[in-house]
Amino acid sequence: LLDVTNLQKSFVSPDGDRTMIVDVPSFQLADGEQVAV
């Protein structure tokens, strides 16, 4: 149902530094499945 591949999200601080917050190579969730992170 959910298929995540090579997901990246970073944010830039007020000082201009970039920080990687999410960097997930792979994540799947089946139809009707219940998962906790």
ModelCIF file with pLDDT and N, C-alpha, C, O atoms, coordinates in Angstrom:
data_MODEL
#
_entry.id   MODEL 
#
_entity.id                         1 
_entity.type                       polymer 
_entity.pdbx_number_of_molecules   1 
#
_entity_poly.entity_id                      1 
_entity_poly.type                           'polypeptide(L)' 
_entity_poly.nstd_linkage                   no 
_entity_poly.nstd_monomer                   no 
_entity_poly.pdbx_seq_one_letter_code       LLDVTNLQKSFVSPDGDRTMIVDVPSFQLADGEQVAV 
_entity_poly.pdbx_seq_one_letter_code_can   LLDVTNLQKSFVSPDGDRTMIVDVPSFQLADGEQVAV 
_entity_poly.pdbx_strand_id                 A 
#
loop_
_entity_poly_seq.entity_id 
_entity_poly_seq.num 
_entity_poly_seq.mon_id 
_entity_poly_seq.hetero 
1 1  LEU n 
1 2  LEU n 
1 3  ASP n 
1 4  VAL n 
1 5  THR n 
1 6  ASN n 
1 7  LEU n 
1 8  GLN n 
1 9  LYS n 
1 10 SER n 
1 11 PHE n 
1 12 VAL n 
1 13 SER n 
1 14 PRO n 
1 15 ASP n 
1 16 GLY n 
1 17 ASP n 
1 18 ARG n 
1 19 THR n 
1 20 MET n 
1 21 ILE n 
1 22 VAL n 
1 23 ASP n 
1 24 VAL n 
1 25 PRO n 
1 26 SER n 
1 27 PHE n 
1 28 GLN n 
1 29 LEU n 
1 30 ALA n 
1 31 ASP n 
1 32 GLY n 
1 33 GLU n 
1 34 GLN n 
1 35 VAL n 
1 36 ALA n 
1 37 VAL n 
#
_struct_asym.id          A 
_struct_asym.entity_id   1 
#
loop_
_ma_qa_metric.id 
_ma_qa_metric.mode 
_ma_qa_metric.name 
_ma_qa_metric.software_group_id 
_ma_qa_metric.type 
1 global pLDDT . pLDDT 
2 local  pLDDT . pLDDT 
#
_ma_qa_metric_global.metric_id      1 
_ma_qa_metric_global.metric_value   93.86 
_ma_qa_metric_global.model_id       1 
_ma_qa_metric_global.ordinal_id     1 
#
loop_
_ma_qa_metric_local.label_asym_id 
_ma_qa_metric_local.label_comp_id 
_ma_qa_metric_local.label_seq_id 
_ma_qa_metric_local.metric_id 
_ma_qa_metric_local.metric_value 
_ma_qa_metric_local.model_id 
_ma_qa_metric_local.ordinal_id 
A LEU 1  2 97.00 1 1  
A LEU 2  2 98.00 1 2  
A ASP 3  2 98.00 1 3  
A VAL 4  2 97.00 1 4  
A THR 5  2 96.00 1 5  
A ASN 6  2 95.00 1 6  
A LEU 7  2 96.00 1 7  
A GLN 8  2 95.00 1 8  
A LYS 9  2 95.00 1 9  
A SER 10 2 94.00 1 10 
A PHE 11 2 92.00 1 11 
A VAL 12 2 90.00 1 12 
A SER 13 2 85.00 1 13 
A PRO 14 2 88.00 1 14 
A ASP 15 2 88.00 1 15 
A GLY 16 2 86.00 1 16 
A ASP 17 2 89.00 1 17 
A ARG 18 2 90.00 1 18 
A THR 19 2 89.00 1 19 
A MET 20 2 91.00 1 20 
A ILE 21 2 92.00 1 21 
A VAL 22 2 94.00 1 22 
A ASP 23 2 93.00 1 23 
A VAL 24 2 94.00 1 24 
A PRO 25 2 95.00 1 25 
A SER 26 2 95.00 1 26 
A PHE 27 2 96.00 1 27 
A GLN 28 2 97.00 1 28 
A LEU 29 2 97.00 1 29 
A ALA 30 2 97.00 1 30 
A ASP 31 2 96.00 1 31 
A GLY 32 2 96.00 1 32 
A GLU 33 2 97.00 1 33 
A GLN 34 2 97.00 1 34 
A VAL 35 2 97.00 1 35 
A ALA 36 2 96.00 1 36 
A VAL 37 2 95.00 1 37 
#
loop_
_atom_site.group_PDB 
_atom_site.id 
_atom_site.type_symbol 
_atom_site.label_atom_id 
_atom_site.label_alt_id 
_atom_site.label_comp_id 
_atom_site.label_asym_id 
_atom_site.label_entity_id 
_atom_site.label_seq_id 
_atom_site.pdbx_PDB_ins_code 
_atom_site.Cartn_x 
_atom_site.Cartn_y 
_atom_site.Cartn_z 
_atom_site.occupancy 
_atom_site.B_iso_or_equiv 
_atom_site.pdbx_formal_charge 
_atom_site.auth_seq_id 
_atom_site.auth_comp_id 
_atom_site.auth_asym_id 
_atom_site.auth_atom_id 
_atom_site.pdbx_PDB_model_num 
ATOM 1   N N  . LEU A 1 1  ? 0.842  -1.199 0.000  1.00 97.00 ? 1  LEU A N  1 
ATOM 2   C CA . LEU A 1 1  ? 0.000  0.000  0.000  1.00 97.00 ? 1  LEU A CA 1 
ATOM 3   C C  . LEU A 1 1  ? 0.876  1.247  0.000  1.00 97.00 ? 1  LEU A C  1 
ATOM 4   O O  . LEU A 1 1  ? 0.602  2.214  -0.711 1.00 97.00 ? 1  LEU A O  1 
ATOM 5   N N  . LEU A 1 2  ? 1.932  1.211  0.806  1.00 98.00 ? 2  LEU A N  1 
ATOM 6   C CA . LEU A 1 2  ? 2.884  2.318  0.906  1.00 98.00 ? 2  LEU A CA 1 
ATOM 7   C C  . LEU A 1 2  ? 4.266  1.804  0.537  1.00 98.00 ? 2  LEU A C  1 
ATOM 8   O O  . LEU A 1 2  ? 4.743  0.815  1.093  1.00 98.00 ? 2  LEU A O  1 
ATOM 9   N N  . ASP A 1 3  ? 4.899  2.482  -0.400 1.00 98.00 ? 3  ASP A N  1 
ATOM 10  C CA . ASP A 1 3  ? 6.235  2.081  -0.837 1.00 98.00 ? 3  ASP A CA 1 
ATOM 11  C C  . ASP A 1 3  ? 7.120  3.326  -0.895 1.00 98.00 ? 3  ASP A C  1 
ATOM 12  O O  . ASP A 1 3  ? 6.899  4.225  -1.707 1.00 98.00 ? 3  ASP A O  1 
ATOM 13  N N  . VAL A 1 4  ? 8.117  3.362  -0.024 1.00 97.00 ? 4  VAL A N  1 
ATOM 14  C CA . VAL A 1 4  ? 9.044  4.492  0.074  1.00 97.00 ? 4  VAL A CA 1 
ATOM 15  C C  . VAL A 1 4  ? 10.412 4.039  -0.418 1.00 97.00 ? 4  VAL A C  1 
ATOM 16  O O  . VAL A 1 4  ? 10.921 3.004  0.013  1.00 97.00 ? 4  VAL A O  1 
ATOM 17  N N  . THR A 1 5  ? 11.009 4.819  -1.326 1.00 96.00 ? 5  THR A N  1 
ATOM 18  C CA . THR A 1 5  ? 12.304 4.457  -1.905 1.00 96.00 ? 5  THR A CA 1 
ATOM 19  C C  . THR A 1 5  ? 13.224 5.674  -1.947 1.00 96.00 ? 5  THR A C  1 
ATOM 20  O O  . THR A 1 5  ? 12.871 6.716  -2.498 1.00 96.00 ? 5  THR A O  1 
ATOM 21  N N  . ASN A 1 6  ? 14.411 5.523  -1.353 1.00 95.00 ? 6  ASN A N  1 
ATOM 22  C CA . ASN A 1 6  ? 15.458 6.561  -1.407 1.00 95.00 ? 6  ASN A CA 1 
ATOM 23  C C  . ASN A 1 6  ? 14.922 7.946  -1.043 1.00 95.00 ? 6  ASN A C  1 
ATOM 24  O O  . ASN A 1 6  ? 15.191 8.927  -1.737 1.00 95.00 ? 6  ASN A O  1 
ATOM 25  N N  . LEU A 1 7  ? 14.171 8.013  0.038  1.00 96.00 ? 7  LEU A N  1 
ATOM 26  C CA . LEU A 1 7  ? 13.530 9.264  0.466  1.00 96.00 ? 7  LEU A CA 1 
ATOM 27  C C  . LEU A 1 7  ? 14.503 10.123 1.267  1.00 96.00 ? 7  LEU A C  1 
ATOM 28  O O  . LEU A 1 7  ? 15.108 9.663  2.235  1.00 96.00 ? 7  LEU A O  1 
ATOM 29  N N  . GLN A 1 8  ? 14.641 11.382 0.846  1.00 95.00 ? 8  GLN A N  1 
ATOM 30  C CA . GLN A 1 8  ? 15.511 12.313 1.556  1.00 95.00 ? 8  GLN A CA 1 
ATOM 31  C C  . GLN A 1 8  ? 14.798 13.655 1.779  1.00 95.00 ? 8  GLN A C  1 
ATOM 32  O O  . GLN A 1 8  ? 14.086 14.161 0.912  1.00 95.00 ? 8  GLN A O  1 
ATOM 33  N N  . LYS A 1 9  ? 15.021 14.204 2.972  1.00 95.00 ? 9  LYS A N  1 
ATOM 34  C CA . LYS A 1 9  ? 14.533 15.549 3.288  1.00 95.00 ? 9  LYS A CA 1 
ATOM 35  C C  . LYS A 1 9  ? 15.520 16.197 4.243  1.00 95.00 ? 9  LYS A C  1 
ATOM 36  O O  . LYS A 1 9  ? 15.851 15.632 5.285  1.00 95.00 ? 9  LYS A O  1 
ATOM 37  N N  . SER A 1 10 ? 15.987 17.386 3.884  1.00 94.00 ? 10 SER A N  1 
ATOM 38  C CA . SER A 1 10 ? 16.915 18.138 4.730  1.00 94.00 ? 10 SER A CA 1 
ATOM 39  C C  . SER A 1 10 ? 16.365 19.542 4.943  1.00 94.00 ? 10 SER A C  1 
ATOM 40  O O  . SER A 1 10 ? 15.501 20.011 4.204  1.00 94.00 ? 10 SER A O  1 
ATOM 41  N N  . PHE A 1 11 ? 16.884 20.192 5.963  1.00 92.00 ? 11 PHE A N  1 
ATOM 42  C CA . PHE A 1 11 ? 16.496 21.569 6.269  1.00 92.00 ? 11 PHE A CA 1 
ATOM 43  C C  . PHE A 1 11 ? 17.749 22.413 6.470  1.00 92.00 ? 11 PHE A C  1 
ATOM 44  O O  . PHE A 1 11 ? 18.788 21.916 6.904  1.00 92.00 ? 11 PHE A O  1 
ATOM 45  N N  . VAL A 1 12 ? 17.633 23.692 6.149  1.00 90.00 ? 12 VAL A N  1 
ATOM 46  C CA . VAL A 1 12 ? 18.745 24.622 6.314  1.00 90.00 ? 12 VAL A CA 1 
ATOM 47  C C  . VAL A 1 12 ? 18.499 25.456 7.565  1.00 90.00 ? 12 VAL A C  1 
ATOM 48  O O  . VAL A 1 12 ? 17.436 26.058 7.716  1.00 90.00 ? 12 VAL A O  1 
ATOM 49  N N  . SER A 1 13 ? 19.475 25.490 8.452  1.00 85.00 ? 13 SER A N  1 
ATOM 50  C CA . SER A 1 13 ? 19.367 26.255 9.690  1.00 85.00 ? 13 SER A CA 1 
ATOM 51  C C  . SER A 1 13 ? 19.556 27.738 9.403  1.00 85.00 ? 13 SER A C  1 
ATOM 52  O O  . SER A 1 13 ? 20.010 28.102 8.318  1.00 85.00 ? 13 SER A O  1 
ATOM 53  N N  . PRO A 1 14 ? 19.211 28.607 10.369 1.00 88.00 ? 14 PRO A N  1 
ATOM 54  C CA . PRO A 1 14 ? 19.448 30.040 10.192 1.00 88.00 ? 14 PRO A CA 1 
ATOM 55  C C  . PRO A 1 14 ? 20.914 30.376 9.922  1.00 88.00 ? 14 PRO A C  1 
ATOM 56  O O  . PRO A 1 14 ? 21.225 31.411 9.332  1.00 88.00 ? 14 PRO A O  1 
ATOM 57  N N  . ASP A 1 15 ? 21.814 29.486 10.361 1.00 88.00 ? 15 ASP A N  1 
ATOM 58  C CA . ASP A 1 15 ? 23.244 29.704 10.131 1.00 88.00 ? 15 ASP A CA 1 
ATOM 59  C C  . ASP A 1 15 ? 23.691 29.232 8.756  1.00 88.00 ? 15 ASP A C  1 
ATOM 60  O O  . ASP A 1 15 ? 24.853 29.395 8.384  1.00 88.00 ? 15 ASP A O  1 
ATOM 61  N N  . GLY A 1 16 ? 22.769 28.647 8.002  1.00 86.00 ? 16 GLY A N  1 
ATOM 62  C CA . GLY A 1 16 ? 23.102 28.189 6.660  1.00 86.00 ? 16 GLY A CA 1 
ATOM 63  C C  . GLY A 1 16 ? 23.570 26.753 6.575  1.00 86.00 ? 16 GLY A C  1 
ATOM 64  O O  . GLY A 1 16 ? 23.923 26.278 5.496  1.00 86.00 ? 16 GLY A O  1 
ATOM 65  N N  . ASP A 1 17 ? 23.577 26.046 7.713  1.00 89.00 ? 17 ASP A N  1 
ATOM 66  C CA . ASP A 1 17 ? 23.989 24.640 7.711  1.00 89.00 ? 17 ASP A CA 1 
ATOM 67  C C  . ASP A 1 17 ? 22.817 23.760 7.283  1.00 89.00 ? 17 ASP A C  1 
ATOM 68  O O  . ASP A 1 17 ? 21.691 23.945 7.746  1.00 89.00 ? 17 ASP A O  1 
ATOM 69  N N  . ARG A 1 18 ? 23.085 22.816 6.411  1.00 90.00 ? 18 ARG A N  1 
ATOM 70  C CA . ARG A 1 18 ? 22.054 21.883 5.958  1.00 90.00 ? 18 ARG A CA 1 
ATOM 71  C C  . ARG A 1 18 ? 22.127 20.598 6.781  1.00 90.00 ? 18 ARG A C  1 
ATOM 72  O O  . ARG A 1 18 ? 23.191 19.994 6.914  1.00 90.00 ? 18 ARG A O  1 
ATOM 73  N N  . THR A 1 19 ? 20.997 20.192 7.325  1.00 89.00 ? 19 THR A N  1 
ATOM 74  C CA . THR A 1 19 ? 20.926 18.989 8.149  1.00 89.00 ? 19 THR A CA 1 
ATOM 75  C C  . THR A 1 19 ? 19.964 17.994 7.516  1.00 89.00 ? 19 THR A C  1 
ATOM 76  O O  . THR A 1 19 ? 18.825 18.339 7.201  1.00 89.00 ? 19 THR A O  1 
ATOM 77  N N  . MET A 1 20 ? 20.420 16.765 7.330  1.00 91.00 ? 20 MET A N  1 
ATOM 78  C CA . MET A 1 20 ? 19.578 15.705 6.802  1.00 91.00 ? 20 MET A CA 1 
ATOM 79  C C  . MET A 1 20 ? 18.672 15.193 7.922  1.00 91.00 ? 20 MET A C  1 
ATOM 80  O O  . MET A 1 20 ? 19.161 14.710 8.944  1.00 91.00 ? 20 MET A O  1 
ATOM 81  N N  . ILE A 1 21 ? 17.369 15.297 7.737  1.00 92.00 ? 21 ILE A N  1 
ATOM 82  C CA . ILE A 1 21 ? 16.409 14.869 8.755  1.00 92.00 ? 21 ILE A CA 1 
ATOM 83  C C  . ILE A 1 21 ? 15.878 13.474 8.449  1.00 92.00 ? 21 ILE A C  1 
ATOM 84  O O  . ILE A 1 21 ? 15.803 12.621 9.333  1.00 92.00 ? 21 ILE A O  1 
ATOM 85  N N  . VAL A 1 22 ? 15.517 13.254 7.211  1.00 94.00 ? 22 VAL A N  1 
ATOM 86  C CA . VAL A 1 22 ? 15.008 11.947 6.787  1.00 94.00 ? 22 VAL A CA 1 
ATOM 87  C C  . VAL A 1 22 ? 15.831 11.464 5.602  1.00 94.00 ? 22 VAL A C  1 
ATOM 88  O O  . VAL A 1 22 ? 16.001 12.180 4.615  1.00 94.00 ? 22 VAL A O  1 
ATOM 89  N N  . ASP A 1 23 ? 16.336 10.252 5.711  1.00 93.00 ? 23 ASP A N  1 
ATOM 90  C CA . ASP A 1 23 ? 17.105 9.639  4.626  1.00 93.00 ? 23 ASP A CA 1 
ATOM 91  C C  . ASP A 1 23 ? 16.834 8.134  4.683  1.00 93.00 ? 23 ASP A C  1 
ATOM 92  O O  . ASP A 1 23 ? 17.629 7.367  5.225  1.00 93.00 ? 23 ASP A O  1 
ATOM 93  N N  . VAL A 1 24 ? 15.710 7.733  4.121  1.00 94.00 ? 24 VAL A N  1 
ATOM 94  C CA . VAL A 1 24 ? 15.216 6.359  4.240  1.00 94.00 ? 24 VAL A CA 1 
ATOM 95  C C  . VAL A 1 24 ? 15.363 5.636  2.910  1.00 94.00 ? 24 VAL A C  1 
ATOM 96  O O  . VAL A 1 24 ? 14.666 5.971  1.953  1.00 94.00 ? 24 VAL A O  1 
ATOM 97  N N  . PRO A 1 25 ? 16.254 4.653  2.826  1.00 95.00 ? 25 PRO A N  1 
ATOM 98  C CA . PRO A 1 25 ? 16.430 3.928  1.561  1.00 95.00 ? 25 PRO A CA 1 
ATOM 99  C C  . PRO A 1 25 ? 15.203 3.144  1.139  1.00 95.00 ? 25 PRO A C  1 
ATOM 100 O O  . PRO A 1 25 ? 14.883 3.088  -0.048 1.00 95.00 ? 25 PRO A O  1 
ATOM 101 N N  . SER A 1 26 ? 14.494 2.523  2.119  1.00 95.00 ? 26 SER A N  1 
ATOM 102 C CA . SER A 1 26 ? 13.364 1.671  1.754  1.00 95.00 ? 26 SER A CA 1 
ATOM 103 C C  . SER A 1 26 ? 12.431 1.481  2.942  1.00 95.00 ? 26 SER A C  1 
ATOM 104 O O  . SER A 1 26 ? 12.876 1.266  4.070  1.00 95.00 ? 26 SER A O  1 
ATOM 105 N N  . PHE A 1 27 ? 11.134 1.563  2.675  1.00 96.00 ? 27 PHE A N  1 
ATOM 106 C CA . PHE A 1 27 ? 10.120 1.284  3.704  1.00 96.00 ? 27 PHE A CA 1 
ATOM 107 C C  . PHE A 1 27 ? 8.822  0.902  2.999  1.00 96.00 ? 27 PHE A C  1 
ATOM 108 O O  . PHE A 1 27 ? 8.398  1.580  2.064  1.00 96.00 ? 27 PHE A O  1 
ATOM 109 N N  . GLN A 1 28 ? 8.193  -0.183 3.448  1.00 97.00 ? 28 GLN A N  1 
ATOM 110 C CA . GLN A 1 28 ? 6.931  -0.618 2.864  1.00 97.00 ? 28 GLN A CA 1 
ATOM 111 C C  . GLN A 1 28 ? 5.907  -0.911 3.964  1.00 97.00 ? 28 GLN A C  1 
ATOM 112 O O  . GLN A 1 28 ? 6.251  -1.301 5.079  1.00 97.00 ? 28 GLN A O  1 
ATOM 113 N N  . LEU A 1 29 ? 4.652  -0.711 3.611  1.00 97.00 ? 29 LEU A N  1 
ATOM 114 C CA . LEU A 1 29 ? 3.536  -1.014 4.496  1.00 97.00 ? 29 LEU A CA 1 
ATOM 115 C C  . LEU A 1 29 ? 2.461  -1.700 3.659  1.00 97.00 ? 29 LEU A C  1 
ATOM 116 O O  . LEU A 1 29 ? 2.044  -1.180 2.624  1.00 97.00 ? 29 LEU A O  1 
ATOM 117 N N  . ALA A 1 30 ? 2.019  -2.861 4.109  1.00 97.00 ? 30 ALA A N  1 
ATOM 118 C CA . ALA A 1 30 ? 1.038  -3.627 3.345  1.00 97.00 ? 30 ALA A CA 1 
ATOM 119 C C  . ALA A 1 30 ? -0.378 -3.112 3.588  1.00 97.00 ? 30 ALA A C  1 
ATOM 120 O O  . ALA A 1 30 ? -0.644 -2.443 4.586  1.00 97.00 ? 30 ALA A O  1 
ATOM 121 N N  . ASP A 1 31 ? -1.253 -3.421 2.692  1.00 96.00 ? 31 ASP A N  1 
ATOM 122 C CA . ASP A 1 31 ? -2.659 -3.061 2.810  1.00 96.00 ? 31 ASP A CA 1 
ATOM 123 C C  . ASP A 1 31 ? -3.228 -3.638 4.106  1.00 96.00 ? 31 ASP A C  1 
ATOM 124 O O  . ASP A 1 31 ? -3.152 -4.845 4.336  1.00 96.00 ? 31 ASP A O  1 
ATOM 125 N N  . GLY A 1 32 ? -3.798 -2.778 4.950  1.00 96.00 ? 32 GLY A N  1 
ATOM 126 C CA . GLY A 1 32 ? -4.393 -3.216 6.202  1.00 96.00 ? 32 GLY A CA 1 
ATOM 127 C C  . GLY A 1 32 ? -3.418 -3.444 7.339  1.00 96.00 ? 32 GLY A C  1 
ATOM 128 O O  . GLY A 1 32 ? -3.840 -3.749 8.454  1.00 96.00 ? 32 GLY A O  1 
ATOM 129 N N  . GLU A 1 33 ? -2.124 -3.305 7.087  1.00 97.00 ? 33 GLU A N  1 
ATOM 130 C CA . GLU A 1 33 ? -1.117 -3.545 8.123  1.00 97.00 ? 33 GLU A CA 1 
ATOM 131 C C  . GLU A 1 33 ? -1.071 -2.397 9.118  1.00 97.00 ? 33 GLU A C  1 
ATOM 132 O O  . GLU A 1 33 ? -1.375 -1.254 8.776  1.00 97.00 ? 33 GLU A O  1 
ATOM 133 N N  . GLN A 1 34 ? -0.685 -2.711 10.365 1.00 97.00 ? 34 GLN A N  1 
ATOM 134 C CA . GLN A 1 34 ? -0.533 -1.695 11.398 1.00 97.00 ? 34 GLN A CA 1 
ATOM 135 C C  . GLN A 1 34 ? 0.893  -1.731 11.918 1.00 97.00 ? 34 GLN A C  1 
ATOM 136 O O  . GLN A 1 34 ? 1.346  -2.749 12.442 1.00 97.00 ? 34 GLN A O  1 
ATOM 137 N N  . VAL A 1 35 ? 1.603  -0.614 11.771 1.00 97.00 ? 35 VAL A N  1 
ATOM 138 C CA . VAL A 1 35 ? 3.025  -0.548 12.087 1.00 97.00 ? 35 VAL A CA 1 
ATOM 139 C C  . VAL A 1 35 ? 3.302  0.687  12.928 1.00 97.00 ? 35 VAL A C  1 
ATOM 140 O O  . VAL A 1 35 ? 2.739  1.757  12.692 1.00 97.00 ? 35 VAL A O  1 
ATOM 141 N N  . ALA A 1 36 ? 4.181  0.523  13.915 1.00 96.00 ? 36 ALA A N  1 
ATOM 142 C CA . ALA A 1 36 ? 4.633  1.649  14.729 1.00 96.00 ? 36 ALA A CA 1 
ATOM 143 C C  . ALA A 1 36 ? 6.079  1.980  14.375 1.00 96.00 ? 36 ALA A C  1 
ATOM 144 O O  . ALA A 1 36 ? 6.892  1.083  14.153 1.00 96.00 ? 36 ALA A O  1 
ATOM 145 N N  . VAL A 1 37 ? 6.390  3.261  14.325 1.00 95.00 ? 37 VAL A N  1 
ATOM 146 C CA . VAL A 1 37 ? 7.762  3.733  14.117 1.00 95.00 ? 37 VAL A CA 1 
ATOM 147 C C  . VAL A 1 37 ? 8.181  4.493  15.368 1.00 95.00 ? 37 VAL A C  1 
ATOM 148 O O  . VAL A 1 37 ? 9.303  4.993  15.440 1.00 95.00 ? 37 VAL A O  1 
#
